[in-house]
Amino acid sequence: MAEALSAGRPVVVGPTNGTGVYGGDATYWFDEYEPASVAAAMERALTTTLADPAKVASVARAEARRHFDPAKVAEAVANAARRAIVQKARGK
């Protein structure tokens, strides 16, 4: 997901893929894990991209910067580690 968005590409995800929320308007969801449903989502992504490739790329890259900026990711990992250390110290 991060790589696709960073490259300015839309992402296609299924109904149980929680990472889809990170793609914002560059995410194309399919409803069922069936070929026709996946194909329909892929077709929507392709049609939108062909209609306005610059806009799709811009939206995708903006979502990548918003959710996958290295500094933000590093900060989130550090915060998670701090919480784990505190919980361990409390005996939890």
PDB file of N, CA and C in Angstrom:
ATOM      1  N   MET A   1       0.815  -1.184   0.000  1.00  0.00           N
ATOM      2  CA  MET A   1       0.000   0.000   0.000  1.00  0.00           C
ATOM      3  C   MET A   1       0.861   1.252   0.000  1.00  0.00           C
ATOM      4  N   ALA A   2       1.814   1.331   0.912  1.00  0.00           N
ATOM      5  CA  ALA A   2       2.649   2.529   0.996  1.00  0.00           C
ATOM      6  C   ALA A   2       3.416   2.761  -0.301  1.00  0.00           C
ATOM      7  N   GLU A   3       3.941   1.676  -0.874  1.00  0.00           N
ATOM      8  CA  GLU A   3       4.718   1.805  -2.099  1.00  0.00           C
ATOM      9  C   GLU A   3       3.843   2.265  -3.263  1.00  0.00           C
ATOM     10  N   ALA A   4       2.665   1.681  -3.386  1.00  0.00           N
ATOM     11  CA  ALA A   4       1.766   2.060  -4.480  1.00  0.00           C
ATOM     12  C   ALA A   4       1.363   3.524  -4.365  1.00  0.00           C
ATOM     13  N   LEU A   5       0.941   3.923  -3.184  1.00  0.00           N
ATOM     14  CA  LEU A   5       0.524   5.315  -2.996  1.00  0.00           C
ATOM     15  C   LEU A   5       1.680   6.279  -3.244  1.00  0.00           C
ATOM     16  N   SER A   6       2.855   5.922  -2.745  1.00  0.00           N
ATOM     17  CA  SER A   6       4.025   6.778  -2.945  1.00  0.00           C
ATOM     18  C   SER A   6       4.377   6.925  -4.415  1.00  0.00           C
ATOM     19  N   ALA A   7       4.072   5.888  -5.194  1.00  0.00           N
ATOM     20  CA  ALA A   7       4.326   5.928  -6.636  1.00  0.00           C
ATOM     21  C   ALA A   7       3.192   6.609  -7.389  1.00  0.00           C
ATOM     22  N   GLY A   8       2.187   7.089  -6.657  1.00  0.00           N
ATOM     23  CA  GLY A   8       1.076   7.788  -7.297  1.00  0.00           C
ATOM     24  C   GLY A   8       0.041   6.870  -7.897  1.00  0.00           C
ATOM     25  N   ARG A   9      -0.045   5.664  -7.379  1.00  0.00           N
ATOM     26  CA  ARG A   9      -0.980   4.675  -7.902  1.00  0.00           C
ATOM     27  C   ARG A   9      -2.107   4.422  -6.911  1.00  0.00           C
ATOM     28  N   PRO A  10      -3.299   4.147  -7.412  1.00  0.00           N
ATOM     29  CA  PRO A  10      -4.404   3.789  -6.525  1.00  0.00           C
ATOM     30  C   PRO A  10      -4.199   2.379  -5.986  1.00  0.00           C
ATOM     31  N   VAL A  11      -4.937   2.037  -4.949  1.00  0.00           N
ATOM     32  CA  VAL A  11      -4.867   0.697  -4.366  1.00  0.00           C
ATOM     33  C   VAL A  11      -6.247   0.057  -4.402  1.00  0.00           C
ATOM     34  N   VAL A  12      -6.264  -1.251  -4.563  1.00  0.00           N
ATOM     35  CA  VAL A  12      -7.496  -2.029  -4.586  1.00  0.00           C
ATOM     36  C   VAL A  12      -7.440  -2.968  -3.396  1.00  0.00           C
ATOM     37  N   VAL A  13      -8.447  -2.896  -2.531  1.00  0.00           N
ATOM     38  CA  VAL A  13      -8.444  -3.700  -1.310  1.00  0.00           C
ATOM     39  C   VAL A  13      -9.811  -4.340  -1.082  1.00  0.00           C
ATOM     40  N   GLY A  14      -9.783  -5.400  -0.288  1.00  0.00           N
ATOM     41  CA  GLY A  14     -11.004  -6.132   0.017  1.00  0.00           C
ATOM     42  C   GLY A  14     -11.704  -5.635   1.264  1.00  0.00           C
ATOM     43  N   PRO A  15     -12.844  -6.250   1.557  1.00  0.00           N
ATOM     44  CA  PRO A  15     -13.686  -5.774   2.659  1.00  0.00           C
ATOM     45  C   PRO A  15     -13.078  -5.976   4.046  1.00  0.00           C
ATOM     46  N   THR A  16     -12.112  -6.866   4.178  1.00  0.00           N
ATOM     47  CA  THR A  16     -11.530  -7.106   5.500  1.00  0.00           C
ATOM     48  C   THR A  16     -10.125  -6.545   5.618  1.00  0.00           C
ATOM     49  N   ASN A  17      -9.711  -5.746   4.651  1.00  0.00           N
ATOM     50  CA  ASN A  17      -8.371  -5.184   4.667  1.00  0.00           C
ATOM     51  C   ASN A  17      -8.415  -3.825   5.342  1.00  0.00           C
ATOM     52  N   GLY A  18      -8.051  -3.779   6.599  1.00  0.00           N
ATOM     53  CA  GLY A  18      -8.105  -2.541   7.359  1.00  0.00           C
ATOM     54  C   GLY A  18      -7.153  -1.469   6.876  1.00  0.00           C
ATOM     55  N   THR A  19      -6.124  -1.858   6.119  1.00  0.00           N
ATOM     56  CA  THR A  19      -5.182  -0.852   5.637  1.00  0.00           C
ATOM     57  C   THR A  19      -5.784   0.040   4.567  1.00  0.00           C
ATOM     58  N   GLY A  20      -6.914  -0.349   4.009  1.00  0.00           N
ATOM     59  CA  GLY A  20      -7.551   0.437   2.960  1.00  0.00           C
ATOM     60  C   GLY A  20      -7.867   1.859   3.370  1.00  0.00           C
ATOM     61  N   VAL A  21      -8.096   2.072   4.654  1.00  0.00           N
ATOM     62  CA  VAL A  21      -8.418   3.423   5.115  1.00  0.00           C
ATOM     63  C   VAL A  21      -7.253   4.387   4.920  1.00  0.00           C
ATOM     64  N   TYR A  22      -6.032   3.859   4.797  1.00  0.00           N
ATOM     65  CA  TYR A  22      -4.871   4.724   4.609  1.00  0.00           C
ATOM     66  C   TYR A  22      -4.772   5.275   3.197  1.00  0.00           C
ATOM     67  N   GLY A  23      -5.532   4.744   2.275  1.00  0.00           N
ATOM     68  CA  GLY A  23      -5.474   5.212   0.899  1.00  0.00           C
ATOM     69  C   GLY A  23      -6.434   6.332   0.589  1.00  0.00           C
ATOM     70  N   GLY A  24      -7.361   6.615   1.501  1.00  0.00           N
ATOM     71  CA  GLY A  24      -8.317   7.695   1.266  1.00  0.00           C
ATOM     72  C   GLY A  24      -9.025   7.548  -0.061  1.00  0.00           C
ATOM     73  N   ASP A  25      -9.084   8.625  -0.810  1.00  0.00           N
ATOM     74  CA  ASP A  25      -9.777   8.617  -2.103  1.00  0.00           C
ATOM     75  C   ASP A  25      -9.008   7.875  -3.192  1.00  0.00           C
ATOM     76  N   ALA A  26      -7.825   7.368  -2.861  1.00  0.00           N
ATOM     77  CA  ALA A  26      -7.060   6.565  -3.819  1.00  0.00           C
ATOM     78  C   ALA A  26      -7.289   5.070  -3.586  1.00  0.00           C
ATOM     79  N   THR A  27      -8.252   4.738  -2.726  1.00  0.00           N
ATOM     80  CA  THR A  27      -8.575   3.343  -2.433  1.00  0.00           C
ATOM     81  C   THR A  27      -9.832   2.936  -3.179  1.00  0.00           C
ATOM     82  N   TYR A  28      -9.770   1.787  -3.808  1.00  0.00           N
ATOM     83  CA  TYR A  28     -10.910   1.201  -4.503  1.00  0.00           C
ATOM     84  C   TYR A  28     -11.198  -0.145  -3.850  1.00  0.00           C
ATOM     85  N   TRP A  29     -12.349  -0.220  -3.215  1.00  0.00           N
ATOM     86  CA  TRP A  29     -12.732  -1.401  -2.448  1.00  0.00           C
ATOM     87  C   TRP A  29     -13.524  -2.377  -3.314  1.00  0.00           C
ATOM     88  N   PHE A  30     -13.335  -3.658  -3.060  1.00  0.00           N
ATOM     89  CA  PHE A  30     -14.239  -4.652  -3.634  1.00  0.00           C
ATOM     90  C   PHE A  30     -15.012  -5.273  -2.478  1.00  0.00           C
ATOM     91  N   ASP A  31     -16.236  -5.715  -2.762  1.00  0.00           N
ATOM     92  CA  ASP A  31     -17.149  -6.169  -1.717  1.00  0.00           C
ATOM     93  C   ASP A  31     -16.990  -7.625  -1.312  1.00  0.00           C
ATOM     94  N   GLU A  32     -16.578  -8.444  -2.250  1.00  0.00           N
ATOM     95  CA  GLU A  32     -16.485  -9.885  -1.995  1.00  0.00           C
ATOM     96  C   GLU A  32     -15.178 -10.419  -2.554  1.00  0.00           C
ATOM     97  N   TYR A  33     -14.684 -11.469  -1.943  1.00  0.00           N
ATOM     98  CA  TYR A  33     -13.476 -12.120  -2.440  1.00  0.00           C
ATOM     99  C   TYR A  33     -13.853 -13.069  -3.579  1.00  0.00           C
ATOM    100  N   GLU A  34     -14.371 -12.464  -4.631  1.00  0.00           N
ATOM    101  CA  GLU A  34     -14.779 -13.181  -5.834  1.00  0.00           C
ATOM    102  C   GLU A  34     -14.162 -12.461  -7.029  1.00  0.00           C
ATOM    103  N   PRO A  35     -13.779 -13.200  -8.064  1.00  0.00           N
ATOM    104  CA  PRO A  35     -13.126 -12.568  -9.222  1.00  0.00           C
ATOM    105  C   PRO A  35     -13.890 -11.379  -9.805  1.00  0.00           C
ATOM    106  N   ALA A  36     -15.194 -11.498  -9.943  1.00  0.00           N
ATOM    107  CA  ALA A  36     -15.966 -10.403 -10.543  1.00  0.00           C
ATOM    108  C   ALA A  36     -15.916  -9.142  -9.690  1.00  0.00           C
ATOM    109  N   SER A  37     -15.948  -9.299  -8.387  1.00  0.00           N
ATOM    110  CA  SER A  37     -15.909  -8.154  -7.480  1.00  0.00           C
ATOM    111  C   SER A  37     -14.537  -7.479  -7.513  1.00  0.00           C
ATOM    112  N   VAL A  38     -13.489  -8.293  -7.502  1.00  0.00           N
ATOM    113  CA  VAL A  38     -12.128  -7.741  -7.581  1.00  0.00           C
ATOM    114  C   VAL A  38     -11.931  -7.035  -8.922  1.00  0.00           C
ATOM    115  N   ALA A  39     -12.382  -7.665  -9.990  1.00  0.00           N
ATOM    116  CA  ALA A  39     -12.244  -7.079 -11.322  1.00  0.00           C
ATOM    117  C   ALA A  39     -12.976  -5.753 -11.424  1.00  0.00           C
ATOM    118  N   ALA A  40     -14.156  -5.656 -10.827  1.00  0.00           N
ATOM    119  CA  ALA A  40     -14.923  -4.402 -10.878  1.00  0.00           C
ATOM    120  C   ALA A  40     -14.170  -3.281 -10.169  1.00  0.00           C
ATOM    121  N   ALA A  41     -13.572  -3.580  -9.029  1.00  0.00           N
ATOM    122  CA  ALA A  41     -12.803  -2.556  -8.315  1.00  0.00           C
ATOM    123  C   ALA A  41     -11.567  -2.147  -9.116  1.00  0.00           C
ATOM    124  N   MET A  42     -10.923  -3.124  -9.725  1.00  0.00           N
ATOM    125  CA  MET A  42      -9.762  -2.819 -10.560  1.00  0.00           C
ATOM    126  C   MET A  42     -10.154  -1.953 -11.755  1.00  0.00           C
ATOM    127  N   GLU A  43     -11.308  -2.243 -12.321  1.00  0.00           N
ATOM    128  CA  GLU A  43     -11.786  -1.455 -13.461  1.00  0.00           C
ATOM    129  C   GLU A  43     -12.100  -0.018 -13.041  1.00  0.00           C
ATOM    130  N   ARG A  44     -12.702   0.162 -11.868  1.00  0.00           N
ATOM    131  CA  ARG A  44     -12.972   1.521 -11.375  1.00  0.00           C
ATOM    132  C   ARG A  44     -11.661   2.287 -11.180  1.00  0.00           C
ATOM    133  N   ALA A  45     -10.684   1.632 -10.594  1.00  0.00           N
ATOM    134  CA  ALA A  45      -9.381   2.278 -10.382  1.00  0.00           C
ATOM    135  C   ALA A  45      -8.740   2.646 -11.714  1.00  0.00           C
ATOM    136  N   LEU A  46      -8.777   1.738 -12.665  1.00  0.00           N
ATOM    137  CA  LEU A  46      -8.177   1.993 -13.976  1.00  0.00           C
ATOM    138  C   LEU A  46      -8.907   3.104 -14.721  1.00  0.00           C
ATOM    139  N   THR A  47     -10.224   3.068 -14.711  1.00  0.00           N
ATOM    140  CA  THR A  47     -11.019   4.084 -15.405  1.00  0.00           C
ATOM    141  C   THR A  47     -10.740   5.467 -14.830  1.00  0.00           C
ATOM    142  N   THR A  48     -10.707   5.560 -13.509  1.00  0.00           N
ATOM    143  CA  THR A  48     -10.436   6.846 -12.852  1.00  0.00           C
ATOM    144  C   THR A  48      -9.031   7.328 -13.182  1.00  0.00           C
ATOM    145  N   THR A  49      -8.076   6.420 -13.156  1.00  0.00           N
ATOM    146  CA  THR A  49      -6.687   6.783 -13.440  1.00  0.00           C
ATOM    147  C   THR A  49      -6.517   7.240 -14.884  1.00  0.00           C
ATOM    148  N   LEU A  50      -7.141   6.539 -15.798  1.00  0.00           N
ATOM    149  CA  LEU A  50      -7.033   6.936 -17.210  1.00  0.00           C
ATOM    150  C   LEU A  50      -7.715   8.273 -17.482  1.00  0.00           C
ATOM    151  N   ALA A  51      -8.792   8.555 -16.760  1.00  0.00           N
ATOM    152  CA  ALA A  51      -9.533   9.805 -16.956  1.00  0.00           C
ATOM    153  C   ALA A  51      -8.743  11.021 -16.487  1.00  0.00           C
ATOM    154  N   ASP A  52      -8.001  10.866 -15.378  1.00  0.00           N
ATOM    155  CA  ASP A  52      -7.246  12.000 -14.838  1.00  0.00           C
ATOM    156  C   ASP A  52      -6.035  11.483 -14.062  1.00  0.00           C
ATOM    157  N   PRO A  53      -5.025  11.019 -14.775  1.00  0.00           N
ATOM    158  CA  PRO A  53      -3.867  10.419 -14.106  1.00  0.00           C
ATOM    159  C   PRO A  53      -3.142  11.362 -13.147  1.00  0.00           C
ATOM    160  N   ALA A  54      -3.085  12.631 -13.479  1.00  0.00           N
ATOM    161  CA  ALA A  54      -2.396  13.583 -12.603  1.00  0.00           C
ATOM    162  C   ALA A  54      -3.129  13.725 -11.270  1.00  0.00           C
ATOM    163  N   LYS A  55      -4.453  13.764 -11.327  1.00  0.00           N
ATOM    164  CA  LYS A  55      -5.228  13.893 -10.094  1.00  0.00           C
ATOM    165  C   LYS A  55      -5.088  12.642  -9.227  1.00  0.00           C
ATOM    166  N   VAL A  56      -5.192  11.468  -9.843  1.00  0.00           N
ATOM    167  CA  VAL A  56      -5.050  10.227  -9.078  1.00  0.00           C
ATOM    168  C   VAL A  56      -3.674  10.165  -8.427  1.00  0.00           C
ATOM    169  N   ALA A  57      -2.641  10.500  -9.179  1.00  0.00           N
ATOM    170  CA  ALA A  57      -1.282  10.483  -8.637  1.00  0.00           C
ATOM    171  C   ALA A  57      -1.139  11.462  -7.477  1.00  0.00           C
ATOM    172  N   SER A  58      -1.704  12.643  -7.641  1.00  0.00           N
ATOM    173  CA  SER A  58      -1.620  13.656  -6.595  1.00  0.00           C
ATOM    174  C   SER A  58      -2.326  13.200  -5.319  1.00  0.00           C
ATOM    175  N   VAL A  59      -3.523  12.648  -5.462  1.00  0.00           N
ATOM    176  CA  VAL A  59      -4.288  12.168  -4.305  1.00  0.00           C
ATOM    177  C   VAL A  59      -3.549  11.020  -3.622  1.00  0.00           C
ATOM    178  N   ALA A  60      -3.057  10.087  -4.417  1.00  0.00           N
ATOM    179  CA  ALA A  60      -2.351   8.934  -3.847  1.00  0.00           C
ATOM    180  C   ALA A  60      -1.104   9.378  -3.088  1.00  0.00           C
ATOM    181  N   ARG A  61      -0.323  10.247  -3.690  1.00  0.00           N
ATOM    182  CA  ARG A  61       0.904  10.706  -3.026  1.00  0.00           C
ATOM    183  C   ARG A  61       0.602  11.504  -1.768  1.00  0.00           C
ATOM    184  N   ALA A  62      -0.463  12.278  -1.792  1.00  0.00           N
ATOM    185  CA  ALA A  62      -0.847  13.035  -0.594  1.00  0.00           C
ATOM    186  C   ALA A  62      -1.212  12.090   0.546  1.00  0.00           C
ATOM    187  N   GLU A  63      -1.933  11.015   0.231  1.00  0.00           N
ATOM    188  CA  GLU A  63      -2.283  10.034   1.264  1.00  0.00           C
ATOM    189  C   GLU A  63      -1.031   9.340   1.787  1.00  0.00           C
ATOM    190  N   ALA A  64      -0.087   9.037   0.909  1.00  0.00           N
ATOM    191  CA  ALA A  64       1.166   8.412   1.332  1.00  0.00           C
ATOM    192  C   ALA A  64       1.923   9.331   2.288  1.00  0.00           C
ATOM    193  N   ARG A  65       2.000  10.601   1.944  1.00  0.00           N
ATOM    194  CA  ARG A  65       2.694  11.548   2.831  1.00  0.00           C
ATOM    195  C   ARG A  65       1.980  11.666   4.172  1.00  0.00           C
ATOM    196  N   ARG A  66       0.656  11.652   4.130  1.00  0.00           N
ATOM    197  CA  ARG A  66      -0.119  11.824   5.355  1.00  0.00           C
ATOM    198  C   ARG A  66       0.033  10.635   6.297  1.00  0.00           C
ATOM    199  N   HIS A  67       0.058   9.430   5.750  1.00  0.00           N
ATOM    200  CA  HIS A  67       0.052   8.244   6.608  1.00  0.00           C
ATOM    201  C   HIS A  67       1.394   7.531   6.735  1.00  0.00           C
ATOM    202  N   PHE A  68       2.266   7.704   5.760  1.00  0.00           N
ATOM    203  CA  PHE A  68       3.486   6.905   5.749  1.00  0.00           C
ATOM    204  C   PHE A  68       4.765   7.736   5.762  1.00  0.00           C
ATOM    205  N   ASP A  69       4.672   8.976   6.154  1.00  0.00           N
ATOM    206  CA  ASP A  69       5.860   9.803   6.279  1.00  0.00           C
ATOM    207  C   ASP A  69       6.823   9.112   7.248  1.00  0.00           C
ATOM    208  N   PRO A  70       8.085   8.916   6.863  1.00  0.00           N
ATOM    209  CA  PRO A  70       9.020   8.188   7.728  1.00  0.00           C
ATOM    210  C   PRO A  70       9.132   8.736   9.151  1.00  0.00           C
ATOM    211  N   ALA A  71       9.117  10.034   9.301  1.00  0.00           N
ATOM    212  CA  ALA A  71       9.216  10.610  10.642  1.00  0.00           C
ATOM    213  C   ALA A  71       7.994  10.262  11.488  1.00  0.00           C
ATOM    214  N   LYS A  72       6.804  10.288  10.872  1.00  0.00           N
ATOM    215  CA  LYS A  72       5.584   9.947  11.596  1.00  0.00           C
ATOM    216  C   LYS A  72       5.567   8.467  11.975  1.00  0.00           C
ATOM    217  N   VAL A  73       6.007   7.620  11.053  1.00  0.00           N
ATOM    218  CA  VAL A  73       6.040   6.187  11.328  1.00  0.00           C
ATOM    219  C   VAL A  73       7.035   5.895  12.448  1.00  0.00           C
ATOM    220  N   ALA A  74       8.210   6.500  12.387  1.00  0.00           N
ATOM    221  CA  ALA A  74       9.216   6.296  13.430  1.00  0.00           C
ATOM    222  C   ALA A  74       8.698   6.761  14.789  1.00  0.00           C
ATOM    223  N   GLU A  75       8.018   7.886  14.802  1.00  0.00           N
ATOM    224  CA  GLU A  75       7.452   8.399  16.058  1.00  0.00           C
ATOM    225  C   GLU A  75       6.394   7.446  16.608  1.00  0.00           C
ATOM    226  N   ALA A  76       5.549   6.916  15.746  1.00  0.00           N
ATOM    227  CA  ALA A  76       4.518   5.974  16.190  1.00  0.00           C
ATOM    228  C   ALA A  76       5.131   4.702  16.745  1.00  0.00           C
ATOM    229  N   VAL A  77       6.186   4.204  16.113  1.00  0.00           N
ATOM    230  CA  VAL A  77       6.862   3.000  16.611  1.00  0.00           C
ATOM    231  C   VAL A  77       7.511   3.281  17.965  1.00  0.00           C
ATOM    232  N   ALA A  78       8.167   4.418  18.088  1.00  0.00           N
ATOM    233  CA  ALA A  78       8.799   4.784  19.357  1.00  0.00           C
ATOM    234  C   ALA A  78       7.761   4.918  20.467  1.00  0.00           C
ATOM    235  N   ASN A  79       6.628   5.529  20.159  1.00  0.00           N
ATOM    236  CA  ASN A  79       5.569   5.661  21.164  1.00  0.00           C
ATOM    237  C   ASN A  79       5.018   4.304  21.576  1.00  0.00           C
ATOM    238  N   ALA A  80       4.852   3.399  20.628  1.00  0.00           N
ATOM    239  CA  ALA A  80       4.372   2.052  20.947  1.00  0.00           C
ATOM    240  C   ALA A  80       5.377   1.332  21.831  1.00  0.00           C
ATOM    241  N   ALA A  81       6.659   1.494  21.539  1.00  0.00           N
ATOM    242  CA  ALA A  81       7.697   0.871  22.361  1.00  0.00           C
ATOM    243  C   ALA A  81       7.682   1.440  23.781  1.00  0.00           C
ATOM    244  N   ARG A  82       7.512   2.744  23.896  1.00  0.00           N
ATOM    245  CA  ARG A  82       7.450   3.362  25.230  1.00  0.00           C
ATOM    246  C   ARG A  82       6.272   2.814  26.032  1.00  0.00           C
ATOM    247  N   ARG A  83       5.121   2.703  25.381  1.00  0.00           N
ATOM    248  CA  ARG A  83       3.940   2.163  26.076  1.00  0.00           C
ATOM    249  C   ARG A  83       4.179   0.726  26.523  1.00  0.00           C
ATOM    250  N   ALA A  84       4.814  -0.065  25.674  1.00  0.00           N
ATOM    251  CA  ALA A  84       5.102  -1.458  26.032  1.00  0.00           C
ATOM    252  C   ALA A  84       6.056  -1.538  27.206  1.00  0.00           C
ATOM    253  N   ILE A  85       7.035  -0.670  27.226  1.00  0.00           N
ATOM    254  CA  ILE A  85       8.013  -0.652  28.339  1.00  0.00           C
ATOM    255  C   ILE A  85       7.318  -0.277  29.648  1.00  0.00           C
ATOM    256  N   VAL A  86       6.469   0.733  29.594  1.00  0.00           N
ATOM    257  CA  VAL A  86       5.722   1.159  30.793  1.00  0.00           C
ATOM    258  C   VAL A  86       4.811   0.025  31.291  1.00  0.00           C
ATOM    259  N   GLN A  87       4.103  -0.624  30.376  1.00  0.00           N
ATOM    260  CA  GLN A  87       3.230  -1.725  30.775  1.00  0.00           C
ATOM    261  C   GLN A  87       4.019  -2.874  31.379  1.00  0.00           C
ATOM    262  N   LYS A  88       5.169  -3.185  30.820  1.00  0.00           N
ATOM    263  CA  LYS A  88       6.030  -4.254  31.328  1.00  0.00           C
ATOM    264  C   LYS A  88       6.511  -3.906  32.735  1.00  0.00           C
ATOM    265  N   ALA A  89       6.877  -2.646  32.919  1.00  0.00           N
ATOM    266  CA  ALA A  89       7.347  -2.202  34.238  1.00  0.00           C
ATOM    267  C   ALA A  89       6.241  -2.297  35.283  1.00  0.00           C
ATOM    268  N   ARG A  90       5.010  -2.140  34.865  1.00  0.00           N
ATOM    269  CA  ARG A  90       3.868  -2.236  35.784  1.00  0.00           C
ATOM    270  C   ARG A  90       3.446  -3.673  36.021  1.00  0.00           C
ATOM    271  N   GLY A  91       4.069  -4.594  35.298  1.00  0.00           N
ATOM    272  CA  GLY A  91       3.747  -6.001  35.459  1.00  0.00           C
ATOM    273  C   GLY A  91       2.545  -6.460  34.658  1.00  0.00           C
ATOM    274  N   LYS A  92       2.210  -5.741  33.638  1.00  0.00           N
ATOM    275  CA  LYS A  92       1.054  -6.105  32.815  1.00  0.00           C
ATOM    276  C   LYS A  92       1.469  -6.840  31.584  1.00  0.00           C
TER     277      LYS A  92
END
